[in-house]
Protein backbone atom coordinates (compact mmCIF):
# COMPACT_ATOMS: atom_id res chain seq x y z
CA UNK A 1 -26.75 41.38 54.49
CA UNK A 2 -24.97 43.96 56.44
CA UNK A 3 -25.43 47.54 57.38
CA UNK A 4 -23.77 50.60 58.81
CA UNK A 5 -24.14 54.73 60.98
CA UNK A 6 -21.86 60.16 69.39
CA UNK A 7 -20.77 63.23 68.33
CA UNK A 8 -21.66 65.68 65.61
CA UNK A 9 -18.15 65.56 64.23
CA UNK A 10 -18.34 61.82 63.69
CA UNK A 11 -19.27 60.25 60.42
CA UNK A 12 -19.29 56.63 59.36
CA UNK A 13 -21.21 54.59 56.87
CA UNK A 14 -24.79 53.48 56.47
CA UNK A 15 -25.39 50.58 54.21
CA UNK A 16 -28.81 49.64 55.34
CA UNK A 17 -29.15 46.12 54.19
CA UNK A 18 -25.61 46.01 52.88
CA UNK A 19 -24.74 43.14 50.67
CA UNK A 20 -22.45 42.14 47.82
CA UNK A 21 -20.10 39.37 46.78
CA UNK A 22 -16.56 39.05 47.98
CA UNK A 23 -14.59 35.87 47.44
CA UNK A 24 -11.03 34.81 48.04
CA UNK A 25 -8.70 36.24 50.62
CA UNK A 26 -8.19 39.78 51.76
CA UNK A 27 -4.81 40.02 50.13
CA UNK A 28 -5.95 38.74 46.74
CA UNK A 29 -7.58 41.99 45.65
CA UNK A 30 -6.48 42.53 42.08
CA UNK A 31 -8.00 42.69 38.63
CA UNK A 32 -10.32 45.21 37.04
CA UNK A 33 -8.40 48.41 37.37
CA UNK A 34 -5.24 46.71 38.58
CA UNK A 35 -3.00 47.86 41.39
CA UNK A 36 0.39 49.36 42.13
CA UNK A 37 1.95 52.51 40.78
CA UNK A 38 0.23 53.97 37.76
CA UNK A 39 -2.91 52.05 38.61
CA UNK A 40 -5.12 54.99 37.67
CA UNK A 41 -3.61 55.50 34.23
CA UNK A 42 -3.50 53.68 30.88
CA UNK A 43 -7.22 53.22 30.22
CA UNK A 44 -8.27 50.11 28.33
CA UNK A 45 -8.43 50.75 24.57
CA UNK A 46 -11.94 50.79 23.16
CA UNK A 47 -12.75 51.58 19.55
CA UNK A 48 -14.12 55.10 19.22
CA UNK A 49 -17.37 55.87 17.48
CA UNK A 50 -16.81 57.07 13.94
CA UNK A 51 -17.70 59.76 13.37
CA UNK A 52 -17.67 60.86 17.01
CA UNK A 53 -20.68 62.82 18.19
CA UNK A 54 -20.35 64.12 21.72
CA UNK A 55 -23.14 63.35 24.17
CA UNK A 56 -24.40 66.15 26.44
CA UNK A 57 -21.77 67.05 29.01
CA UNK A 58 -18.82 66.11 26.81
CA UNK A 59 -16.62 68.46 24.81
CA UNK A 60 -13.10 68.23 23.51
CA UNK A 61 -11.73 69.38 26.85
CA UNK A 62 -14.41 68.58 29.44
CA UNK A 63 -16.69 65.91 30.89
CA UNK A 64 -19.37 67.24 33.21
CA UNK A 65 -20.24 64.97 36.12
CA UNK A 66 -22.92 65.63 38.72
CA UNK A 67 -23.35 64.26 42.22
CA UNK A 68 -26.47 63.83 44.36
CA UNK A 69 -26.08 63.44 48.10
CA UNK A 70 -27.52 64.92 51.32
CA UNK A 71 -25.47 67.95 52.29
CA UNK A 72 -28.17 68.99 54.77
CA UNK A 73 -30.88 67.25 56.78
CA UNK A 74 -30.68 64.36 59.26
CA UNK A 75 -28.73 62.00 56.99
CA UNK A 76 -26.09 64.55 55.96
CA UNK A 77 -23.78 63.50 58.80
CA UNK A 78 -23.66 59.98 57.34
CA UNK A 79 -23.14 60.93 53.70
CA UNK A 80 -21.92 64.50 53.15
CA UNK A 81 -18.27 63.54 53.67
CA UNK A 82 -18.45 61.29 50.61
CA UNK A 83 -18.25 64.42 48.44
CA UNK A 84 -14.63 64.97 49.54
CA UNK A 85 -13.74 61.48 48.34
CA UNK A 86 -15.45 62.06 44.99
CA UNK A 87 -13.61 65.33 44.46
CA UNK A 88 -10.27 63.78 45.39
CA UNK A 89 -10.66 60.95 42.87
CA UNK A 90 -11.70 63.33 40.07
CA UNK A 91 -8.83 65.67 40.98
CA UNK A 92 -6.40 62.77 40.64
CA UNK A 93 -7.81 61.91 37.22
CA UNK A 94 -7.51 65.53 36.09
CA UNK A 95 -3.97 66.04 37.37
CA UNK A 96 -2.65 62.77 35.92
CA UNK A 97 -4.22 63.10 32.48
CA UNK A 98 -6.04 59.84 33.10
CA UNK A 99 -8.80 60.76 30.62
CA UNK A 100 -6.57 62.17 27.96
CA UNK A 101 -7.20 65.78 26.95
CA UNK A 102 -10.49 65.97 28.84
CA UNK A 103 -10.88 66.99 32.47
CA UNK A 104 -13.85 66.31 34.73
CA UNK A 105 -15.94 69.27 35.89
CA UNK A 106 -17.78 68.28 39.05
CA UNK A 107 -21.08 69.71 40.35
CA UNK A 108 -22.79 68.46 43.54
CA UNK A 109 -26.49 68.84 44.34
CA UNK A 110 -28.04 68.57 47.81
CA UNK A 111 -31.16 66.40 48.07
CA UNK A 112 -31.24 66.44 51.91
CA UNK A 113 -32.14 62.75 51.70
CA UNK A 114 -35.64 63.77 50.61
CA UNK A 115 -37.32 61.98 47.65
CA UNK A 116 -38.88 65.12 46.16
CA UNK A 117 -35.61 67.01 46.35
CA UNK A 118 -33.79 64.00 44.92
CA UNK A 119 -35.94 64.20 41.78
CA UNK A 120 -35.43 67.96 41.53
CA UNK A 121 -31.67 67.57 41.92
CA UNK A 122 -31.53 64.95 39.18
CA UNK A 123 -33.60 67.06 36.80
CA UNK A 124 -31.47 70.13 37.40
CA UNK A 125 -28.21 68.29 36.84
CA UNK A 126 -29.45 66.69 33.62
CA UNK A 127 -31.57 69.44 32.09
CA UNK A 128 -29.87 72.62 33.30
CA UNK A 129 -26.28 71.66 34.12
CA UNK A 130 -26.12 69.20 31.19
CA UNK A 131 -24.05 66.60 33.02
CA UNK A 132 -22.92 63.47 31.21
CA UNK A 133 -23.59 61.26 34.22
CA UNK A 134 -24.12 61.22 37.98
CA UNK A 135 -22.43 59.87 41.11
CA UNK A 136 -25.03 59.29 43.82
CA UNK A 137 -24.81 58.50 47.52
CA UNK A 138 -28.28 59.12 48.93
CA UNK A 139 -30.96 57.11 50.69
CA UNK A 140 -33.47 58.85 48.40
CA UNK A 141 -31.89 57.57 45.16
CA UNK A 142 -34.91 55.43 44.29
CA UNK A 143 -36.97 58.58 43.74
CA UNK A 144 -35.12 59.76 40.61
CA UNK A 145 -33.98 56.35 39.39
CA UNK A 146 -36.74 55.81 36.81
CA UNK A 147 -36.21 59.30 35.36
CA UNK A 148 -32.45 58.83 35.09
CA UNK A 149 -32.94 55.43 33.48
CA UNK A 150 -35.37 56.85 30.91
CA UNK A 151 -32.88 59.58 30.08
CA UNK A 152 -30.10 57.02 29.67
CA UNK A 153 -27.93 58.68 32.32
CA UNK A 154 -25.10 56.54 33.73
CA UNK A 155 -25.13 56.49 37.55
CA UNK A 156 -22.52 55.10 39.92
CA UNK A 157 -22.67 55.19 43.71
CA UNK A 158 -23.51 53.37 46.90
CA UNK A 159 -26.42 50.91 46.62
CA UNK A 160 -27.47 51.42 50.27
CA UNK A 161 -29.93 48.54 50.08
CA UNK A 162 -32.05 50.36 47.48
CA UNK A 163 -34.13 48.52 44.88
CA UNK A 164 -33.14 50.86 42.05
CA UNK A 165 -29.58 49.51 41.93
CA UNK A 166 -30.95 46.05 41.11
CA UNK A 167 -33.73 47.29 38.82
CA UNK A 168 -32.12 49.74 36.39
CA UNK A 169 -29.04 48.66 34.45
CA UNK A 170 -27.74 52.23 34.14
CA UNK A 171 -27.20 52.27 37.93
CA UNK A 172 -23.96 50.77 39.21
CA UNK A 173 -23.12 50.20 42.85
CA UNK A 174 -19.37 50.71 43.16
CA UNK A 175 -19.09 47.14 44.40
CA UNK A 176 -22.39 45.36 44.00
CA UNK A 177 -26.05 45.60 43.16
CA UNK A 178 -29.11 44.77 45.26
CA UNK A 179 -32.30 42.72 44.79
CA UNK A 180 -35.10 44.59 42.99
CA UNK A 181 -37.42 43.90 45.93
CA UNK A 182 -34.96 45.85 48.15
CA UNK A 183 -34.35 42.69 50.10
CA UNK A 184 -37.88 42.33 51.43
CA UNK A 185 -38.03 38.67 50.44
CA UNK A 186 -34.66 38.03 48.80
CA UNK A 187 -31.59 37.97 51.03
CA UNK A 188 -29.07 35.66 52.68
CA UNK A 189 -28.32 34.40 56.18
CA UNK A 190 -25.10 36.43 56.33
CA UNK A 191 -25.89 38.30 59.55
CA UNK A 192 -27.44 35.25 61.18
CA UNK A 193 -24.35 33.20 60.36
CA UNK A 194 -22.10 35.88 61.82
CA UNK A 195 -24.16 36.15 65.03
CA UNK A 196 -24.06 32.38 65.43
CA UNK A 197 -20.30 32.41 65.03
CA UNK A 198 -20.07 34.84 67.96
CA UNK A 199 -22.46 32.88 70.19
CA UNK A 200 -25.52 35.17 70.13
CA UNK A 201 -28.69 33.84 71.76
CA UNK A 202 -31.04 36.72 72.70
CA UNK A 203 -31.10 39.39 70.00
CA UNK A 204 -32.34 42.98 70.14
CA UNK A 205 -32.98 44.65 66.76
CA UNK A 206 -33.13 48.44 66.42
CA UNK A 207 -33.97 50.05 63.09
CA UNK A 208 -34.93 53.48 61.82
CA UNK A 209 -38.26 54.29 60.23
CA UNK A 210 -36.70 54.68 56.77
CA UNK A 211 -37.59 51.86 54.38
CA UNK A 212 -34.25 50.14 53.98
CA UNK A 213 -33.40 50.31 57.70
CA UNK A 214 -36.72 48.72 58.63
CA UNK A 215 -36.28 46.08 55.92
CA UNK A 216 -32.82 45.27 57.21
CA UNK A 217 -33.84 44.52 60.79
CA UNK A 218 -36.95 42.71 59.54
CA UNK A 219 -34.63 40.51 57.47
CA UNK A 220 -32.59 39.55 60.51
CA UNK A 221 -35.77 38.80 62.47
CA UNK A 222 -36.88 36.55 59.63
CA UNK A 223 -33.46 34.89 59.34
CA UNK A 224 -33.54 34.01 63.02
CA UNK A 225 -37.09 32.65 62.87
CA UNK A 226 -36.50 30.62 59.69
CA UNK A 227 -32.98 29.36 60.28
CA UNK A 228 -31.77 30.36 63.74
CA UNK A 229 -32.75 27.12 65.42
CA UNK A 230 -33.67 26.75 69.07
CA UNK A 231 -30.55 28.45 70.34
CA UNK A 232 -31.42 31.98 69.18
CA UNK A 233 -34.45 34.24 69.43
CA UNK A 234 -35.41 37.89 69.01
CA UNK A 235 -36.26 39.45 72.38
CA UNK A 236 -36.73 43.07 71.24
CA UNK A 237 -37.49 44.56 67.83
CA UNK A 238 -38.24 48.13 66.83
CA UNK A 239 -38.07 49.80 63.43
CA UNK A 240 -39.79 53.04 64.35
CA UNK A 241 -36.77 55.20 65.28
CA UNK A 242 -37.02 58.64 63.68
CA UNK A 243 -34.07 59.61 61.47
CA UNK A 244 -33.28 62.63 63.64
CA UNK A 245 -33.64 60.85 67.00
CA UNK A 246 -30.60 61.22 69.25
CA UNK A 247 -31.92 60.22 72.71
CA UNK A 248 -32.07 56.43 73.14
CA UNK A 249 -32.72 56.23 76.87
CA UNK A 250 -36.06 54.46 76.36
CA UNK A 251 -34.67 51.95 73.85
CA UNK A 252 -31.69 51.19 76.07
CA UNK A 253 -33.98 50.43 79.01
CA UNK A 254 -36.15 48.13 76.88
CA UNK A 255 -33.05 46.28 75.67
CA UNK A 256 -31.93 45.89 79.27
CA UNK A 257 -35.36 44.66 80.34
CA UNK A 258 -35.41 42.13 77.48
CA UNK A 259 -32.24 40.46 78.72
CA UNK A 260 -30.65 40.70 75.27
CA UNK A 261 -27.05 39.56 74.95
CA UNK A 262 -26.81 40.94 71.41
CA UNK A 263 -27.74 44.25 69.77
CA UNK A 264 -27.92 44.70 66.00
CA UNK A 265 -28.87 48.03 64.44
CA UNK A 266 -29.93 49.32 61.05
CA UNK A 267 -29.30 52.98 61.75
CA UNK A 268 -26.72 55.59 60.82
CA UNK A 269 -23.65 55.97 62.95
CA UNK A 270 -24.74 59.01 64.90
CA UNK A 271 -27.69 56.98 66.10
CA UNK A 272 -25.68 53.81 66.65
CA UNK A 273 -23.17 55.57 68.86
CA UNK A 274 -25.95 57.37 70.73
CA UNK A 275 -27.63 54.01 71.40
CA UNK A 276 -24.34 52.53 72.63
CA UNK A 277 -23.85 55.46 74.98
CA UNK A 278 -27.40 55.04 76.33
CA UNK A 279 -26.87 51.31 76.96
CA UNK A 280 -23.63 52.11 78.78
CA UNK A 281 -25.42 54.82 80.79
CA UNK A 282 -28.08 52.23 81.75
CA UNK A 283 -25.24 50.17 83.27
CA UNK A 284 -25.96 47.24 80.98
CA UNK A 285 -23.45 45.14 79.10
CA UNK A 286 -24.27 43.10 76.01
CA UNK A 287 -21.95 40.40 74.65
CA UNK A 288 -22.26 41.29 70.97
CA UNK A 289 -22.94 44.61 69.28
CA UNK A 290 -23.12 44.63 65.48
CA UNK A 291 -23.24 47.91 63.57
CA UNK A 292 -23.66 48.44 59.84
CA UNK A 293 -20.16 49.81 59.05
CA UNK A 294 -16.87 51.00 60.39
CA UNK A 295 -13.49 52.53 59.67
CA UNK A 296 -13.63 55.97 61.25
CA UNK A 297 -10.98 56.55 63.89
CA UNK A 298 -13.00 59.31 65.54
CA UNK A 299 -15.45 56.82 67.07
CA UNK A 300 -12.93 54.55 68.75
CA UNK A 301 -13.06 56.08 72.23
CA UNK A 302 -16.83 56.64 72.44
CA UNK A 303 -18.90 54.89 75.15
CA UNK A 304 -19.92 51.35 74.27
CA UNK A 305 -17.79 51.12 71.11
CA UNK A 306 -15.02 48.95 72.58
CA UNK A 307 -15.75 45.38 71.52
CA UNK A 308 -18.33 46.32 68.87
CA UNK A 309 -18.32 44.61 65.48
CA UNK A 310 -18.75 46.31 62.14
CA UNK A 311 -19.43 44.87 58.70
CA UNK A 312 -17.77 46.45 55.68
CA UNK A 313 -17.95 45.74 51.96
CA UNK A 314 -14.32 46.76 51.38
CA UNK A 315 -11.03 45.24 52.44
CA UNK A 316 -10.34 46.95 55.80
CA UNK A 317 -7.81 49.78 55.87
CA UNK A 318 -5.72 47.78 58.35
CA UNK A 319 -4.92 45.22 55.63
CA UNK A 320 -3.39 47.96 53.46
CA UNK A 321 -5.25 47.37 50.19
CA UNK A 322 -3.75 49.36 47.28
CA UNK A 323 -6.92 51.39 46.69
CA UNK A 324 -6.88 52.67 50.26
CA UNK A 325 -3.25 53.72 49.96
CA UNK A 326 -3.96 55.75 46.81
CA UNK A 327 -7.08 57.22 48.41
CA UNK A 328 -5.29 58.30 51.58
CA UNK A 329 -2.38 59.80 49.67
CA UNK A 330 -4.66 61.99 47.54
CA UNK A 331 -6.90 62.98 50.47
CA UNK A 332 -3.88 63.99 52.54
CA UNK A 333 -2.52 65.95 49.58
CA UNK A 334 -5.79 67.90 49.52
CA UNK A 335 -5.85 68.36 53.28
CA UNK A 336 -8.99 66.25 53.80
CA UNK A 337 -9.82 63.73 56.50
CA UNK A 338 -8.87 60.30 55.18
CA UNK A 339 -9.30 57.82 58.07
CA UNK A 340 -13.00 57.22 57.47
CA UNK A 341 -15.05 54.94 55.26
CA UNK A 342 -17.62 57.52 54.12
CA UNK A 343 -15.19 59.63 52.02
CA UNK A 344 -13.63 56.36 50.84
CA UNK A 345 -17.06 55.29 49.55
CA UNK A 346 -17.23 58.60 47.68
CA UNK A 347 -13.79 57.88 46.19
CA UNK A 348 -14.84 54.38 45.08
CA UNK A 349 -18.09 55.71 43.59
CA UNK A 350 -16.11 58.25 41.54
CA UNK A 351 -13.50 55.62 40.65
CA UNK A 352 -16.26 53.41 39.25
CA UNK A 353 -17.54 56.34 37.18
CA UNK A 354 -14.06 56.86 35.74
CA UNK A 355 -13.88 53.14 34.96
CA UNK A 356 -17.13 53.52 33.01
CA UNK A 357 -15.63 56.35 30.98
CA UNK A 358 -12.58 54.22 30.20
CA UNK A 359 -14.76 51.27 29.24
CA UNK A 360 -16.75 53.53 26.92
CA UNK A 361 -13.53 54.74 25.28
CA UNK A 362 -11.89 57.96 26.40
CA UNK A 363 -11.55 59.26 22.83
CA UNK A 364 -15.32 59.41 22.37
CA UNK A 365 -17.27 58.41 25.50
CA UNK A 366 -21.04 58.05 25.11
CA UNK A 367 -23.65 57.34 27.75
CA UNK A 368 -24.80 54.20 25.95
CA UNK A 369 -21.27 52.82 25.66
CA UNK A 370 -20.60 53.64 29.33
CA UNK A 371 -23.64 51.67 30.49
CA UNK A 372 -23.24 48.77 28.07
CA UNK A 373 -19.52 48.22 28.46
CA UNK A 374 -19.29 48.77 32.21
CA UNK A 375 -22.20 46.37 32.77
CA UNK A 376 -20.25 43.77 30.80
CA UNK A 377 -17.05 44.30 32.77
CA UNK A 378 -15.62 41.42 34.78
CA UNK A 379 -12.94 41.56 37.44
CA UNK A 380 -13.58 45.09 38.73
CA UNK A 381 -11.87 45.60 42.10
CA UNK A 382 -11.90 49.38 42.53
CA UNK A 383 -8.12 49.21 42.01
CA UNK A 384 -7.72 46.75 44.87
CA UNK A 385 -10.48 47.82 47.27
CA UNK A 386 -12.34 44.49 47.14
CA UNK A 387 -12.20 41.14 45.41
CA UNK A 388 -13.22 40.98 41.72
CA UNK A 389 -16.82 41.62 40.73
CA UNK A 390 -18.65 40.80 37.52
CA UNK A 391 -21.17 43.62 37.07
CA UNK A 392 -23.53 41.50 34.98
CA UNK A 393 -23.61 38.50 37.31
CA UNK A 394 -23.88 40.64 40.46
CA UNK A 395 -26.85 42.64 39.14
CA UNK A 396 -29.97 42.16 41.24
CA UNK A 397 -28.25 39.83 43.73
CA UNK A 398 -28.02 40.18 47.51
CA UNK A 399 -24.72 40.58 49.33
CA UNK A 400 -23.17 37.21 50.07
CA UNK A 401 -19.90 38.16 51.78
CA UNK A 402 -18.44 41.06 53.77
CA UNK A 403 -15.45 41.76 55.97
CA UNK A 404 -15.88 42.17 59.70
CA UNK A 405 -13.76 44.22 62.08
CA UNK A 406 -13.97 44.54 65.86
CA UNK A 407 -12.87 47.41 68.07
CA UNK A 408 -10.14 46.07 70.34
CA UNK A 409 -8.11 48.38 72.56
CA UNK A 410 -9.43 51.39 70.63
CA UNK A 411 -8.37 50.02 67.24
CA UNK A 412 -10.17 48.28 64.38
CA UNK A 413 -9.04 44.66 64.15
CA UNK A 414 -10.01 42.54 61.10
CA UNK A 415 -11.77 39.30 62.02
CA UNK A 416 -11.62 35.81 60.48
CA UNK A 417 -7.90 36.20 59.66
CA UNK A 418 -8.70 39.16 57.44
CA UNK A 419 -10.75 37.04 55.05
CA UNK A 420 -14.30 37.81 53.88
CA UNK A 421 -17.08 36.11 55.82
CA UNK A 422 -19.77 34.59 53.59
CA UNK A 423 -23.37 33.50 54.06
CA UNK A 424 -24.21 29.81 54.08
CA UNK A 425 -27.82 30.04 52.88
CA UNK A 426 -30.10 32.06 50.63
CA UNK A 427 -33.62 33.12 51.57
CA UNK A 428 -36.42 33.60 49.05
CA UNK A 429 -39.73 34.26 50.77
CA UNK A 430 -39.97 31.50 53.37
CA UNK A 431 -37.67 29.15 51.49
CA UNK A 432 -34.13 28.67 52.80
CA UNK A 433 -31.58 26.93 50.57
CA UNK A 434 -27.83 26.25 50.95
CA UNK A 435 -25.43 28.41 48.95
CA UNK A 436 -22.66 26.79 46.96
CA UNK A 437 -19.17 28.18 46.56
CA UNK A 438 -19.90 28.72 42.86
CA UNK A 439 -23.02 30.76 43.65
CA UNK A 440 -21.06 32.97 46.01
CA UNK A 441 -18.16 33.44 43.61
CA UNK A 442 -20.42 34.32 40.66
CA UNK A 443 -22.79 36.67 42.44
């Protein structure tokens, strides 16, 4: 599994417990929505319901779509920028006539990353705003998941290591799902395998007090104890960092005292960069730093970032995948910041929603058809953002492969020749078993 999150202007991703299946090479990203010019047009033909009865949120000219994300609160810095990516993707659909005579009307609701507010936001969007479906990028998504499932509301978004994306079939991670136990006992040795490949021996783990962050660093601790062998051990482990903590002087000193040569975090990027700055201030140098995500040029010159590794579920920008080119062109057209992964995640979440509408049939989209037909879709790539995914086979599975980049000379450099790096073993409870190439490809 992988994860991702010092200045207030800096945003990057948080995928606490990130996972998902990527196979093949970085340049082989095709399928699903296709690539190249016109890649966002010509929806797949699907027989329309006859007679057509519009679901809530759909009229002859409009499809209402809601979004839930933290626009305020401690996690807003890691997620709020995804709204710009969502808007840009829906704007492109509207301007190109991608959904025929209908245009998307977009309404965002702020849940501040709080479970109670997440439920309220979902209820308002469904019962008052009458949205057809929801795009969600929030750590609190589990809170409203059962309600949205009972209402039959299609949801696309970022799984963020949350159990709901592997529990309810109406919820689609833009790339992959997640185990229904939120990865407490079901995961892979992906991070362990990566750390071994870099020569890690003494590992410090730093996680936030939120559930998926704590689970993520606990997973790595367990991976090392079960499969790390004699050459690697955990020398420091905390998962009690408050979400709004910004001073890491104490943690940096403890890492220094532990003699760690490796630091792995499960926090958002504001906290990750603050920790790196504190370690630098403590005049301590670790060999390996692994953060949960990357691709934001504004972090490249911050203290402690040079040499750091980041895991990402998408083909890195530096490899010029077609989805990133389309994303950047539209974001620049709208005057929005484009060189960051958080708004890109918003774009991909919205792109997946549009794919669901196409799968349902643009002439008469229904919620049931959206959920049923998108779940059955094979070969989805987000228009070339990642290697093909089968939504049915990936459901409820951990992440098997990701891309890694390293900061070298203040630039993100793809590792492993730009190819995805995959786990070698699966973990279920205390049982560790080898993964086959077929298992990885079909997850």
